[in-house]
């Protein structure tokens, strides 16, 4: 299996990319660390109800994208913490090693291949 430094580098790059993408649709609450979807800057203050409907639709789309990006963000930060704690590459369900090819494809994977369908059962 490649070194944890290899995966740390991959995860750090992914974290930067996800963070930059999050910043385009949300801001991070300094106290909780949660990401909060924000409307487009030029959409505020318009009384036209069609514009209001468009803003609502955009808001809902941003929230849906935000949810997926935030999950990815949490998984990446969790994986980086696992590297620091010496638990990187261990399946959170079985405790068995995660296959190197799975980690190469997704360094933030939380489960081995046998348990990948159960990953959604894990707490965020």
PDB file of N, CA and C in Angstrom:
ATOM      1  N   UNK A   1       0.854  -1.182   0.000  1.00  0.00           N
ATOM      2  CA  UNK A   1       0.000   0.000   0.000  1.00  0.00           C
ATOM      3  C   UNK A   1       0.896   1.240   0.000  1.00  0.00           C
ATOM      4  N   UNK A   2       0.529   2.252  -0.791  1.00  0.00           N
ATOM      5  CA  UNK A   2       1.304   3.503  -0.776  1.00  0.00           C
ATOM      6  C   UNK A   2       1.324   4.111   0.623  1.00  0.00           C
ATOM      7  N   UNK A   3       2.288   4.947   0.851  1.00  0.00           N
ATOM      8  CA  UNK A   3       2.460   5.556   2.174  1.00  0.00           C
ATOM      9  C   UNK A   3       1.303   6.491   2.519  1.00  0.00           C
ATOM     10  N   UNK A   4       1.153   6.739   3.806  1.00  0.00           N
ATOM     11  CA  UNK A   4       0.121   7.690   4.233  1.00  0.00           C
ATOM     12  C   UNK A   4       0.437   9.089   3.726  1.00  0.00           C
ATOM     13  N   UNK A   5       1.711   9.385   3.488  1.00  0.00           N
ATOM     14  CA  UNK A   5       2.064  10.704   2.936  1.00  0.00           C
ATOM     15  C   UNK A   5       1.471  10.882   1.545  1.00  0.00           C
ATOM     16  N   UNK A   6       1.459   9.806   0.771  1.00  0.00           N
ATOM     17  CA  UNK A   6       0.835   9.838  -0.559  1.00  0.00           C
ATOM     18  C   UNK A   6      -0.646  10.194  -0.416  1.00  0.00           C
ATOM     19  N   UNK A   7      -1.329   9.526   0.495  1.00  0.00           N
ATOM     20  CA  UNK A   7      -2.760   9.779   0.682  1.00  0.00           C
ATOM     21  C   UNK A   7      -3.014  11.138   1.322  1.00  0.00           C
ATOM     22  N   UNK A   8      -2.140  11.560   2.226  1.00  0.00           N
ATOM     23  CA  UNK A   8      -2.272  12.892   2.820  1.00  0.00           C
ATOM     24  C   UNK A   8      -2.223  13.952   1.716  1.00  0.00           C
ATOM     25  N   UNK A   9      -1.302  13.778   0.782  1.00  0.00           N
ATOM     26  CA  UNK A   9      -1.177  14.719  -0.325  1.00  0.00           C
ATOM     27  C   UNK A   9      -2.444  14.726  -1.191  1.00  0.00           C
ATOM     28  N   UNK A  10      -2.943  13.535  -1.539  1.00  0.00           N
ATOM     29  CA  UNK A  10      -4.175  13.450  -2.333  1.00  0.00           C
ATOM     30  C   UNK A  10      -5.348  14.100  -1.604  1.00  0.00           C
ATOM     31  N   UNK A  11      -5.483  13.786  -0.325  1.00  0.00           N
ATOM     32  CA  UNK A  11      -6.599  14.324   0.470  1.00  0.00           C
ATOM     33  C   UNK A  11      -6.494  15.833   0.633  1.00  0.00           C
ATOM     34  N   UNK A  12      -5.295  16.341   0.818  1.00  0.00           N
ATOM     35  CA  UNK A  12      -5.106  17.782   0.957  1.00  0.00           C
ATOM     36  C   UNK A  12      -5.517  18.500  -0.325  1.00  0.00           C
ATOM     37  N   UNK A  13      -5.151  17.935  -1.463  1.00  0.00           N
ATOM     38  CA  UNK A  13      -5.559  18.513  -2.750  1.00  0.00           C
ATOM     39  C   UNK A  13      -7.084  18.477  -2.901  1.00  0.00           C
ATOM     40  N   UNK A  14      -7.688  17.343  -2.534  1.00  0.00           N
ATOM     41  CA  UNK A  14      -9.136  17.216  -2.634  1.00  0.00           C
ATOM     42  C   UNK A  14      -9.838  18.186  -1.686  1.00  0.00           C
ATOM     43  N   UNK A  15      -9.298  18.339  -0.490  1.00  0.00           N
ATOM     44  CA  UNK A  15      -9.896  19.260   0.479  1.00  0.00           C
ATOM     45  C   UNK A  15      -9.881  20.683  -0.050  1.00  0.00           C
ATOM     46  N   UNK A  16      -8.788  21.085  -0.657  1.00  0.00           N
ATOM     47  CA  UNK A  16      -8.694  22.425  -1.224  1.00  0.00           C
ATOM     48  C   UNK A  16      -9.732  22.619  -2.338  1.00  0.00           C
ATOM     49  N   UNK A  17      -9.871  21.621  -3.204  1.00  0.00           N
ATOM     50  CA  UNK A  17     -10.831  21.717  -4.312  1.00  0.00           C
ATOM     51  C   UNK A  17     -12.273  21.779  -3.795  1.00  0.00           C
ATOM     52  N   UNK A  18     -12.600  20.928  -2.842  1.00  0.00           N
ATOM     53  CA  UNK A  18     -13.963  20.911  -2.287  1.00  0.00           C
ATOM     54  C   UNK A  18     -14.243  22.209  -1.537  1.00  0.00           C
ATOM     55  N   UNK A  19     -13.275  22.690  -0.780  1.00  0.00           N
ATOM     56  CA  UNK A  19     -13.452  23.945  -0.046  1.00  0.00           C
ATOM     57  C   UNK A  19     -13.690  25.103  -1.010  1.00  0.00           C
ATOM     58  N   UNK A  20     -12.917  25.155  -2.081  1.00  0.00           N
ATOM     59  CA  UNK A  20     -13.124  26.221  -3.071  1.00  0.00           C
ATOM     60  C   UNK A  20     -14.498  26.134  -3.709  1.00  0.00           C
ATOM     61  N   UNK A  21     -14.949  24.922  -3.997  1.00  0.00           N
ATOM     62  CA  UNK A  21     -16.279  24.755  -4.573  1.00  0.00           C
ATOM     63  C   UNK A  21     -17.366  25.150  -3.572  1.00  0.00           C
ATOM     64  N   UNK A  22     -17.186  24.769  -2.321  1.00  0.00           N
ATOM     65  CA  UNK A  22     -18.143  25.160  -1.276  1.00  0.00           C
ATOM     66  C   UNK A  22     -18.248  26.681  -1.171  1.00  0.00           C
ATOM     67  N   UNK A  23     -17.131  27.353  -1.261  1.00  0.00           N
ATOM     68  CA  UNK A  23     -17.124  28.812  -1.120  1.00  0.00           C
ATOM     69  C   UNK A  23     -17.901  29.518  -2.226  1.00  0.00           C
ATOM     70  N   UNK A  24     -18.128  28.831  -3.345  1.00  0.00           N
ATOM     71  CA  UNK A  24     -18.892  29.454  -4.431  1.00  0.00           C
ATOM     72  C   UNK A  24     -20.385  29.450  -4.166  1.00  0.00           C
ATOM     73  N   UNK A  25     -20.843  28.581  -3.240  1.00  0.00           N
ATOM     74  CA  UNK A  25     -22.291  28.484  -2.992  1.00  0.00           C
ATOM     75  C   UNK A  25     -22.669  28.646  -1.525  1.00  0.00           C
ATOM     76  N   UNK A  26     -21.659  28.783  -0.656  1.00  0.00           N
ATOM     77  CA  UNK A  26     -21.958  28.802   0.781  1.00  0.00           C
ATOM     78  C   UNK A  26     -20.871  29.561   1.541  1.00  0.00           C
ATOM     79  N   UNK A  27     -21.151  29.755   2.822  1.00  0.00           N
ATOM     80  CA  UNK A  27     -20.123  30.274   3.724  1.00  0.00           C
ATOM     81  C   UNK A  27     -20.084  29.363   4.942  1.00  0.00           C
ATOM     82  N   UNK A  28     -18.949  29.347   5.603  1.00  0.00           N
ATOM     83  CA  UNK A  28     -18.775  28.467   6.748  1.00  0.00           C
ATOM     84  C   UNK A  28     -19.003  29.235   8.037  1.00  0.00           C
ATOM     85  N   UNK A  29     -19.878  28.692   8.884  1.00  0.00           N
ATOM     86  CA  UNK A  29     -20.142  29.278  10.190  1.00  0.00           C
ATOM     87  C   UNK A  29     -18.892  29.099  11.043  1.00  0.00           C
ATOM     88  N   UNK A  30     -18.351  30.195  11.548  1.00  0.00           N
ATOM     89  CA  UNK A  30     -17.095  30.151  12.307  1.00  0.00           C
ATOM     90  C   UNK A  30     -17.227  29.405  13.623  1.00  0.00           C
ATOM     91  N   UNK A  31     -18.419  29.406  14.209  1.00  0.00           N
ATOM     92  CA  UNK A  31     -18.602  28.740  15.501  1.00  0.00           C
ATOM     93  C   UNK A  31     -18.811  27.236  15.347  1.00  0.00           C
ATOM     94  N   UNK A  32     -19.667  26.828  14.407  1.00  0.00           N
ATOM     95  CA  UNK A  32     -20.010  25.414  14.277  1.00  0.00           C
ATOM     96  C   UNK A  32     -19.202  24.682  13.224  1.00  0.00           C
ATOM     97  N   UNK A  33     -18.650  25.424  12.264  1.00  0.00           N
ATOM     98  CA  UNK A  33     -17.942  24.789  11.163  1.00  0.00           C
ATOM     99  C   UNK A  33     -18.860  24.321  10.053  1.00  0.00           C
ATOM    100  N   UNK A  34     -20.179  24.439  10.265  1.00  0.00           N
ATOM    101  CA  UNK A  34     -21.144  24.031   9.251  1.00  0.00           C
ATOM    102  C   UNK A  34     -21.122  24.993   8.081  1.00  0.00           C
ATOM    103  N   UNK A  35     -21.446  24.475   6.899  1.00  0.00           N
ATOM    104  CA  UNK A  35     -21.547  25.291   5.699  1.00  0.00           C
ATOM    105  C   UNK A  35     -23.003  25.673   5.491  1.00  0.00           C
ATOM    106  N   UNK A  36     -23.250  26.918   5.129  1.00  0.00           N
ATOM    107  CA  UNK A  36     -24.609  27.444   4.961  1.00  0.00           C
ATOM    108  C   UNK A  36     -24.736  27.998   3.551  1.00  0.00           C
ATOM    109  N   UNK A  37     -25.713  27.482   2.802  1.00  0.00           N
ATOM    110  CA  UNK A  37     -25.918  27.941   1.431  1.00  0.00           C
ATOM    111  C   UNK A  37     -26.275  29.417   1.427  1.00  0.00           C
ATOM    112  N   UNK A  38     -25.745  30.129   0.450  1.00  0.00           N
ATOM    113  CA  UNK A  38     -26.033  31.547   0.316  1.00  0.00           C
ATOM    114  C   UNK A  38     -26.631  31.799  -1.069  1.00  0.00           C
ATOM    115  N   UNK A  39     -27.586  32.723  -1.159  1.00  0.00           N
ATOM    116  CA  UNK A  39     -28.161  33.049  -2.472  1.00  0.00           C
ATOM    117  C   UNK A  39     -27.165  33.835  -3.299  1.00  0.00           C
ATOM    118  N   UNK A  40     -27.411  33.890  -4.601  1.00  0.00           N
ATOM    119  CA  UNK A  40     -26.558  34.700  -5.456  1.00  0.00           C
ATOM    120  C   UNK A  40     -26.623  36.143  -4.992  1.00  0.00           C
ATOM    121  N   UNK A  41     -25.514  36.831  -5.013  1.00  0.00           N
ATOM    122  CA  UNK A  41     -25.419  38.189  -4.476  1.00  0.00           C
ATOM    123  C   UNK A  41     -26.355  39.166  -5.170  1.00  0.00           C
ATOM    124  N   UNK A  42     -26.544  39.039  -6.474  1.00  0.00           N
ATOM    125  CA  UNK A  42     -27.365  40.021  -7.185  1.00  0.00           C
ATOM    126  C   UNK A  42     -28.852  39.697  -7.171  1.00  0.00           C
ATOM    127  N   UNK A  43     -29.266  38.668  -6.441  1.00  0.00           N
ATOM    128  CA  UNK A  43     -30.668  38.268  -6.437  1.00  0.00           C
ATOM    129  C   UNK A  43     -31.464  38.851  -5.268  1.00  0.00           C
ATOM    130  N   UNK A  44     -30.812  39.488  -4.348  1.00  0.00           N
ATOM    131  CA  UNK A  44     -31.488  39.993  -3.150  1.00  0.00           C
ATOM    132  C   UNK A  44     -32.177  41.324  -3.424  1.00  0.00           C
ATOM    133  N   UNK A  45     -33.298  41.514  -2.782  1.00  0.00           N
ATOM    134  CA  UNK A  45     -33.964  42.807  -2.814  1.00  0.00           C
ATOM    135  C   UNK A  45     -34.841  43.065  -4.017  1.00  0.00           C
ATOM    136  N   UNK A  46     -35.068  42.090  -4.864  1.00  0.00           N
ATOM    137  CA  UNK A  46     -35.917  42.294  -6.032  1.00  0.00           C
ATOM    138  C   UNK A  46     -37.332  41.848  -5.674  1.00  0.00           C
ATOM    139  N   UNK A  47     -38.320  42.744  -5.864  1.00  0.00           N
ATOM    140  CA  UNK A  47     -39.694  42.465  -5.460  1.00  0.00           C
ATOM    141  C   UNK A  47     -40.467  41.666  -6.505  1.00  0.00           C
ATOM    142  N   UNK A  48     -39.960  41.494  -7.704  1.00  0.00           N
ATOM    143  CA  UNK A  48     -40.635  40.749  -8.767  1.00  0.00           C
ATOM    144  C   UNK A  48     -40.822  39.297  -8.319  1.00  0.00           C
ATOM    145  N   UNK A  49     -42.072  38.798  -8.363  1.00  0.00           N
ATOM    146  CA  UNK A  49     -42.327  37.446  -7.865  1.00  0.00           C
ATOM    147  C   UNK A  49     -41.678  36.372  -8.737  1.00  0.00           C
ATOM    148  N   UNK A  50     -41.471  36.639 -10.032  1.00  0.00           N
ATOM    149  CA  UNK A  50     -40.756  35.678 -10.873  1.00  0.00           C
ATOM    150  C   UNK A  50     -39.302  35.565 -10.448  1.00  0.00           C
ATOM    151  N   UNK A  51     -38.723  36.692 -10.129  1.00  0.00           N
ATOM    152  CA  UNK A  51     -37.347  36.688  -9.633  1.00  0.00           C
ATOM    153  C   UNK A  51     -37.306  35.954  -8.295  1.00  0.00           C
ATOM    154  N   UNK A  52     -38.307  36.197  -7.469  1.00  0.00           N
ATOM    155  CA  UNK A  52     -38.378  35.511  -6.171  1.00  0.00           C
ATOM    156  C   UNK A  52     -38.458  34.007  -6.331  1.00  0.00           C
ATOM    157  N   UNK A  53     -39.233  33.546  -7.321  1.00  0.00           N
ATOM    158  CA  UNK A  53     -39.329  32.105  -7.582  1.00  0.00           C
ATOM    159  C   UNK A  53     -37.994  31.553  -8.060  1.00  0.00           C
ATOM    160  N   UNK A  54     -37.321  32.329  -8.919  1.00  0.00           N
ATOM    161  CA  UNK A  54     -36.005  31.898  -9.405  1.00  0.00           C
ATOM    162  C   UNK A  54     -34.996  31.815  -8.264  1.00  0.00           C
ATOM    163  N   UNK A  55     -35.065  32.786  -7.367  1.00  0.00           N
ATOM    164  CA  UNK A  55     -34.156  32.792  -6.214  1.00  0.00           C
ATOM    165  C   UNK A  55     -34.408  31.567  -5.342  1.00  0.00           C
ATOM    166  N   UNK A  56     -35.674  31.237  -5.125  1.00  0.00           N
ATOM    167  CA  UNK A  56     -36.018  30.064  -4.316  1.00  0.00           C
ATOM    168  C   UNK A  56     -35.515  28.788  -4.977  1.00  0.00           C
ATOM    169  N   UNK A  57     -35.696  28.694  -6.282  1.00  0.00           N
ATOM    170  CA  UNK A  57     -35.219  27.515  -7.008  1.00  0.00           C
ATOM    171  C   UNK A  57     -33.696  27.411  -6.915  1.00  0.00           C
ATOM    172  N   UNK A  58     -33.025  28.529  -7.111  1.00  0.00           N
ATOM    173  CA  UNK A  58     -31.565  28.549  -7.013  1.00  0.00           C
ATOM    174  C   UNK A  58     -31.116  28.143  -5.611  1.00  0.00           C
ATOM    175  N   UNK A  59     -31.799  28.669  -4.601  1.00  0.00           N
ATOM    176  CA  UNK A  59     -31.482  28.351  -3.199  1.00  0.00           C
ATOM    177  C   UNK A  59     -31.588  26.848  -2.964  1.00  0.00           C
ATOM    178  N   UNK A  60     -32.667  26.235  -3.451  1.00  0.00           N
ATOM    179  CA  UNK A  60     -32.867  24.798  -3.264  1.00  0.00           C
ATOM    180  C   UNK A  60     -31.792  23.987  -3.985  1.00  0.00           C
ATOM    181  N   UNK A  61     -31.421  24.426  -5.184  1.00  0.00           N
ATOM    182  CA  UNK A  61     -30.353  23.743  -5.907  1.00  0.00           C
ATOM    183  C   UNK A  61     -29.032  23.866  -5.159  1.00  0.00           C
ATOM    184  N   UNK A  62     -28.742  25.042  -4.653  1.00  0.00           N
ATOM    185  CA  UNK A  62     -27.502  25.243  -3.895  1.00  0.00           C
ATOM    186  C   UNK A  62     -27.470  24.369  -2.644  1.00  0.00           C
ATOM    187  N   UNK A  63     -28.605  24.264  -1.974  1.00  0.00           N
ATOM    188  CA  UNK A  63     -28.662  23.431  -0.768  1.00  0.00           C
ATOM    189  C   UNK A  63     -28.418  21.961  -1.096  1.00  0.00           C
ATOM    190  N   UNK A  64     -28.964  21.490  -2.223  1.00  0.00           N
ATOM    191  CA  UNK A  64     -28.757  20.097  -2.619  1.00  0.00           C
ATOM    192  C   UNK A  64     -27.285  19.835  -2.949  1.00  0.00           C
ATOM    193  N   UNK A  65     -26.674  20.738  -3.693  1.00  0.00           N
ATOM    194  CA  UNK A  65     -25.250  20.606  -4.021  1.00  0.00           C
ATOM    195  C   UNK A  65     -24.420  20.719  -2.747  1.00  0.00           C
ATOM    196  N   UNK A  66     -24.785  21.649  -1.890  1.00  0.00           N
ATOM    197  CA  UNK A  66     -24.075  21.856  -0.631  1.00  0.00           C
ATOM    198  C   UNK A  66     -24.073  20.584   0.205  1.00  0.00           C
ATOM    199  N   UNK A  67     -25.195  19.903   0.277  1.00  0.00           N
ATOM    200  CA  UNK A  67     -25.283  18.686   1.078  1.00  0.00           C
ATOM    201  C   UNK A  67     -24.256  17.654   0.624  1.00  0.00           C
ATOM    202  N   UNK A  68     -24.141  17.443  -0.680  1.00  0.00           N
ATOM    203  CA  UNK A  68     -23.178  16.476  -1.205  1.00  0.00           C
ATOM    204  C   UNK A  68     -21.738  16.927  -0.989  1.00  0.00           C
ATOM    205  N   UNK A  69     -21.488  18.210  -1.222  1.00  0.00           N
ATOM    206  CA  UNK A  69     -20.130  18.729  -1.018  1.00  0.00           C
ATOM    207  C   UNK A  69     -19.725  18.671   0.451  1.00  0.00           C
ATOM    208  N   UNK A  70     -20.675  18.953   1.334  1.00  0.00           N
ATOM    209  CA  UNK A  70     -20.349  18.936   2.769  1.00  0.00           C
ATOM    210  C   UNK A  70     -20.043  17.514   3.241  1.00  0.00           C
ATOM    211  N   UNK A  71     -20.751  16.535   2.708  1.00  0.00           N
ATOM    212  CA  UNK A  71     -20.442  15.139   3.045  1.00  0.00           C
ATOM    213  C   UNK A  71     -19.023  14.814   2.595  1.00  0.00           C
ATOM    214  N   UNK A  72     -18.696  15.216   1.384  1.00  0.00           N
ATOM    215  CA  UNK A  72     -17.343  14.971   0.859  1.00  0.00           C
ATOM    216  C   UNK A  72     -16.294  15.689   1.720  1.00  0.00           C
ATOM    217  N   UNK A  73     -16.586  16.942   2.078  1.00  0.00           N
ATOM    218  CA  UNK A  73     -15.690  17.736   2.927  1.00  0.00           C
ATOM    219  C   UNK A  73     -15.448  17.014   4.259  1.00  0.00           C
ATOM    220  N   UNK A  74     -16.511  16.544   4.878  1.00  0.00           N
ATOM    221  CA  UNK A  74     -16.377  15.849   6.173  1.00  0.00           C
ATOM    222  C   UNK A  74     -15.589  14.550   6.036  1.00  0.00           C
ATOM    223  N   UNK A  75     -15.851  13.808   4.956  1.00  0.00           N
ATOM    224  CA  UNK A  75     -15.129  12.557   4.756  1.00  0.00           C
ATOM    225  C   UNK A  75     -13.639  12.797   4.552  1.00  0.00           C
ATOM    226  N   UNK A  76     -13.300  13.838   3.815  1.00  0.00           N
ATOM    227  CA  UNK A  76     -11.887  14.155   3.587  1.00  0.00           C
ATOM    228  C   UNK A  76     -11.218  14.581   4.890  1.00  0.00           C
ATOM    229  N   UNK A  77     -11.865  15.474   5.644  1.00  0.00           N
ATOM    230  CA  UNK A  77     -11.258  15.909   6.905  1.00  0.00           C
ATOM    231  C   UNK A  77     -11.162  14.746   7.890  1.00  0.00           C
ATOM    232  N   UNK A  78     -12.146  13.852   7.874  1.00  0.00           N
ATOM    233  CA  UNK A  78     -12.106  12.670   8.743  1.00  0.00           C
ATOM    234  C   UNK A  78     -10.908  11.791   8.366  1.00  0.00           C
ATOM    235  N   UNK A  79     -10.695  11.596   7.062  1.00  0.00           N
ATOM    236  CA  UNK A  79      -9.579  10.761   6.605  1.00  0.00           C
ATOM    237  C   UNK A  79      -8.240  11.379   7.008  1.00  0.00           C
ATOM    238  N   UNK A  80      -8.127  12.695   6.900  1.00  0.00           N
ATOM    239  CA  UNK A  80      -6.887  13.357   7.326  1.00  0.00           C
ATOM    240  C   UNK A  80      -6.657  13.174   8.829  1.00  0.00           C
ATOM    241  N   UNK A  81      -7.720  13.227   9.623  1.00  0.00           N
ATOM    242  CA  UNK A  81      -7.585  12.995  11.066  1.00  0.00           C
ATOM    243  C   UNK A  81      -7.186  11.549  11.350  1.00  0.00           C
ATOM    244  N   UNK A  82      -7.697  10.617  10.534  1.00  0.00           N
ATOM    245  CA  UNK A  82      -7.324   9.211  10.707  1.00  0.00           C
ATOM    246  C   UNK A  82      -5.834   9.008  10.426  1.00  0.00           C
ATOM    247  N   UNK A  83      -5.316   9.729   9.450  1.00  0.00           N
ATOM    248  CA  UNK A  83      -3.878   9.633   9.181  1.00  0.00           C
ATOM    249  C   UNK A  83      -3.108  10.068  10.423  1.00  0.00           C
ATOM    250  N   UNK A  84      -3.522  11.190  11.006  1.00  0.00           N
ATOM    251  CA  UNK A  84      -2.851  11.699  12.214  1.00  0.00           C
ATOM    252  C   UNK A  84      -2.976  10.715  13.374  1.00  0.00           C
ATOM    253  N   UNK A  85      -4.124  10.043  13.467  1.00  0.00           N
ATOM    254  CA  UNK A  85      -4.359   9.116  14.572  1.00  0.00           C
ATOM    255  C   UNK A  85      -3.906   7.687  14.315  1.00  0.00           C
ATOM    256  N   UNK A  86      -3.347   7.417  13.137  1.00  0.00           N
ATOM    257  CA  UNK A  86      -2.854   6.083  12.840  1.00  0.00           C
ATOM    258  C   UNK A  86      -3.930   5.080  12.473  1.00  0.00           C
ATOM    259  N   UNK A  87      -5.133   5.557  12.156  1.00  0.00           N
ATOM    260  CA  UNK A  87      -6.233   4.648  11.824  1.00  0.00           C
ATOM    261  C   UNK A  87      -6.620   4.697  10.346  1.00  0.00           C
ATOM    262  N   UNK A  88      -5.847   5.397   9.546  1.00  0.00           N
ATOM    263  CA  UNK A  88      -6.183   5.525   8.124  1.00  0.00           C
ATOM    264  C   UNK A  88      -6.130   4.162   7.450  1.00  0.00           C
ATOM    265  N   UNK A  89      -7.117   3.919   6.565  1.00  0.00           N
ATOM    266  CA  UNK A  89      -7.144   2.681   5.797  1.00  0.00           C
ATOM    267  C   UNK A  89      -7.814   1.527   6.504  1.00  0.00           C
ATOM    268  N   UNK A  90      -8.519   1.819   7.595  1.00  0.00           N
ATOM    269  CA  UNK A  90      -9.228   0.788   8.340  1.00  0.00           C
ATOM    270  C   UNK A  90     -10.724   0.973   8.146  1.00  0.00           C
ATOM    271  N   UNK A  91     -11.418  -0.097   7.769  1.00  0.00           N
ATOM    272  CA  UNK A  91     -12.868  -0.059   7.554  1.00  0.00           C
ATOM    273  C   UNK A  91     -13.569   0.273   8.870  1.00  0.00           C
ATOM    274  N   UNK A  92     -14.456   1.257   8.836  1.00  0.00           N
ATOM    275  CA  UNK A  92     -15.174   1.677  10.040  1.00  0.00           C
ATOM    276  C   UNK A  92     -16.262   0.688  10.445  1.00  0.00           C
ATOM    277  N   UNK A  93     -16.584  -0.267   9.597  1.00  0.00           N
ATOM    278  CA  UNK A  93     -17.604  -1.258   9.941  1.00  0.00           C
ATOM    279  C   UNK A  93     -16.963  -2.551  10.431  1.00  0.00           C
ATOM    280  N   UNK A  94     -16.030  -3.083   9.651  1.00  0.00           N
ATOM    281  CA  UNK A  94     -15.448  -4.385   9.994  1.00  0.00           C
ATOM    282  C   UNK A  94     -14.137  -4.292  10.767  1.00  0.00           C
ATOM    283  N   UNK A  95     -13.467  -3.148  10.689  1.00  0.00           N
ATOM    284  CA  UNK A  95     -12.156  -3.016  11.314  1.00  0.00           C
ATOM    285  C   UNK A  95     -11.034  -3.619  10.487  1.00  0.00           C
ATOM    286  N   UNK A  96     -11.383  -4.150   9.315  1.00  0.00           N
ATOM    287  CA  UNK A  96     -10.389  -4.745   8.422  1.00  0.00           C
ATOM    288  C   UNK A  96      -9.770  -3.657   7.549  1.00  0.00           C
ATOM    289  N   UNK A  97      -8.620  -3.944   6.950  1.00  0.00           N
ATOM    290  CA  UNK A  97      -7.998  -2.948   6.074  1.00  0.00           C
ATOM    291  C   UNK A  97      -8.861  -2.644   4.850  1.00  0.00           C
ATOM    292  N   UNK A  98      -8.806  -1.396   4.417  1.00  0.00           N
ATOM    293  CA  UNK A  98      -9.454  -0.996   3.171  1.00  0.00           C
ATOM    294  C   UNK A  98      -8.459  -1.285   2.050  1.00  0.00           C
ATOM    295  N   UNK A  99      -8.948  -1.882   0.984  1.00  0.00           N
ATOM    296  CA  UNK A  99      -8.105  -2.282  -0.124  1.00  0.00           C
ATOM    297  C   UNK A  99      -7.376  -1.078  -0.719  1.00  0.00           C
ATOM    298  N   UNK A 100      -6.087  -1.256  -1.047  1.00  0.00           N
ATOM    299  CA  UNK A 100      -5.311  -0.151  -1.624  1.00  0.00           C
ATOM    300  C   UNK A 100      -5.945   0.441  -2.887  1.00  0.00           C
ATOM    301  N   UNK A 101      -6.520  -0.397  -3.736  1.00  0.00           N
ATOM    302  CA  UNK A 101      -7.146   0.126  -4.956  1.00  0.00           C
ATOM    303  C   UNK A 101      -8.369   0.986  -4.634  1.00  0.00           C
ATOM    304  N   UNK A 102      -9.070   0.668  -3.570  1.00  0.00           N
ATOM    305  CA  UNK A 102     -10.215   1.493  -3.150  1.00  0.00           C
ATOM    306  C   UNK A 102      -9.713   2.845  -2.643  1.00  0.00           C
ATOM    307  N   UNK A 103      -8.652   2.822  -1.856  1.00  0.00           N
ATOM    308  CA  UNK A 103      -8.095   4.070  -1.347  1.00  0.00           C
ATOM    309  C   UNK A 103      -7.504   4.926  -2.465  1.00  0.00           C
ATOM    310  N   UNK A 104      -6.935   4.291  -3.467  1.00  0.00           N
ATOM    311  CA  UNK A 104      -6.418   5.057  -4.602  1.00  0.00           C
ATOM    312  C   UNK A 104      -7.564   5.749  -5.332  1.00  0.00           C
ATOM    313  N   UNK A 105      -8.689   5.042  -5.480  1.00  0.00           N
ATOM    314  CA  UNK A 105      -9.852   5.615  -6.163  1.00  0.00           C
ATOM    315  C   UNK A 105     -10.540   6.667  -5.315  1.00  0.00           C
ATOM    316  N   UNK A 106     -10.559   6.437  -3.997  1.00  0.00           N
ATOM    317  CA  UNK A 106     -11.223   7.361  -3.071  1.00  0.00           C
ATOM    318  C   UNK A 106     -10.494   7.328  -1.728  1.00  0.00           C
ATOM    319  N   UNK A 107      -9.491   8.188  -1.555  1.00  0.00           N
ATOM    320  CA  UNK A 107      -8.723   8.157  -0.305  1.00  0.00           C
ATOM    321  C   UNK A 107      -9.556   8.455   0.942  1.00  0.00           C
ATOM    322  N   UNK A 108     -10.743   9.029   0.763  1.00  0.00           N
ATOM    323  CA  UNK A 108     -11.610   9.331   1.905  1.00  0.00           C
ATOM    324  C   UNK A 108     -12.602   8.205   2.189  1.00  0.00           C
ATOM    325  N   UNK A 109     -12.446   7.053   1.522  1.00  0.00           N
ATOM    326  CA  UNK A 109     -13.351   5.921   1.745  1.00  0.00           C
ATOM    327  C   UNK A 109     -13.337   5.525   3.213  1.00  0.00           C
ATOM    328  N   UNK A 110     -14.514   5.219   3.712  1.00  0.00           N
ATOM    329  CA  UNK A 110     -14.638   4.868   5.125  1.00  0.00           C
ATOM    330  C   UNK A 110     -14.765   3.362   5.345  1.00  0.00           C
ATOM    331  N   UNK A 111     -15.006   2.628   4.265  1.00  0.00           N
ATOM    332  CA  UNK A 111     -15.214   1.185   4.381  1.00  0.00           C
ATOM    333  C   UNK A 111     -14.404   0.448   3.316  1.00  0.00           C
ATOM    334  N   UNK A 112     -14.231  -0.842   3.555  1.00  0.00           N
ATOM    335  CA  UNK A 112     -13.618  -1.674   2.528  1.00  0.00           C
ATOM    336  C   UNK A 112     -14.682  -2.001   1.471  1.00  0.00           C
ATOM    337  N   UNK A 113     -14.255  -2.688   0.414  1.00  0.00           N
ATOM    338  CA  UNK A 113     -15.169  -2.980  -0.692  1.00  0.00           C
ATOM    339  C   UNK A 113     -16.357  -3.826  -0.223  1.00  0.00           C
ATOM    340  N   UNK A 114     -16.115  -4.782   0.653  1.00  0.00           N
ATOM    341  CA  UNK A 114     -17.186  -5.656   1.124  1.00  0.00           C
ATOM    342  C   UNK A 114     -18.294  -4.885   1.843  1.00  0.00           C
ATOM    343  N   UNK A 115     -17.950  -3.763   2.448  1.00  0.00           N
ATOM    344  CA  UNK A 115     -18.927  -2.997   3.229  1.00  0.00           C
ATOM    345  C   UNK A 115     -19.317  -1.660   2.597  1.00  0.00           C
ATOM    346  N   UNK A 116     -18.901  -1.404   1.360  1.00  0.00           N
ATOM    347  CA  UNK A 116     -19.159  -0.092   0.750  1.00  0.00           C
ATOM    348  C   UNK A 116     -20.644   0.228   0.656  1.00  0.00           C
ATOM    349  N   UNK A 117     -21.504  -0.790   0.488  1.00  0.00           N
ATOM    350  CA  UNK A 117     -22.945  -0.542   0.421  1.00  0.00           C
ATOM    351  C   UNK A 117     -23.525  -0.147   1.778  1.00  0.00           C
ATOM    352  N   UNK A 118     -22.783  -0.376   2.835  1.00  0.00           N
ATOM    353  CA  UNK A 118     -23.247  -0.031   4.187  1.00  0.00           C
ATOM    354  C   UNK A 118     -22.678   1.301   4.680  1.00  0.00           C
ATOM    355  N   UNK A 119     -21.846   1.946   3.851  1.00  0.00           N
ATOM    356  CA  UNK A 119     -21.212   3.193   4.268  1.00  0.00           C
ATOM    357  C   UNK A 119     -22.234   4.259   4.628  1.00  0.00           C
ATOM    358  N   UNK A 120     -23.383   4.270   3.940  1.00  0.00           N
ATOM    359  CA  UNK A 120     -24.426   5.263   4.219  1.00  0.00           C
ATOM    360  C   UNK A 120     -24.999   5.088   5.629  1.00  0.00           C
ATOM    361  N   UNK A 121     -24.824   3.933   6.234  1.00  0.00           N
ATOM    362  CA  UNK A 121     -25.312   3.693   7.592  1.00  0.00           C
ATOM    363  C   UNK A 121     -24.459   4.389   8.652  1.00  0.00           C
ATOM    364  N   UNK A 122     -23.241   4.751   8.269  1.00  0.00           N
ATOM    365  CA  UNK A 122     -22.327   5.374   9.235  1.00  0.00           C
ATOM    366  C   UNK A 122     -22.774   6.800   9.536  1.00  0.00           C
ATOM    367  N   UNK A 123     -22.563   7.255  10.757  1.00  0.00           N
ATOM    368  CA  UNK A 123     -22.905   8.652  11.071  1.00  0.00           C
ATOM    369  C   UNK A 123     -22.022   9.614  10.294  1.00  0.00           C
ATOM    370  N   UNK A 124     -22.592  10.760   9.961  1.00  0.00           N
ATOM    371  CA  UNK A 124     -21.809  11.757   9.237  1.00  0.00           C
ATOM    372  C   UNK A 124     -20.750  12.284  10.162  1.00  0.00           C
TER     373      UNK A 124
END
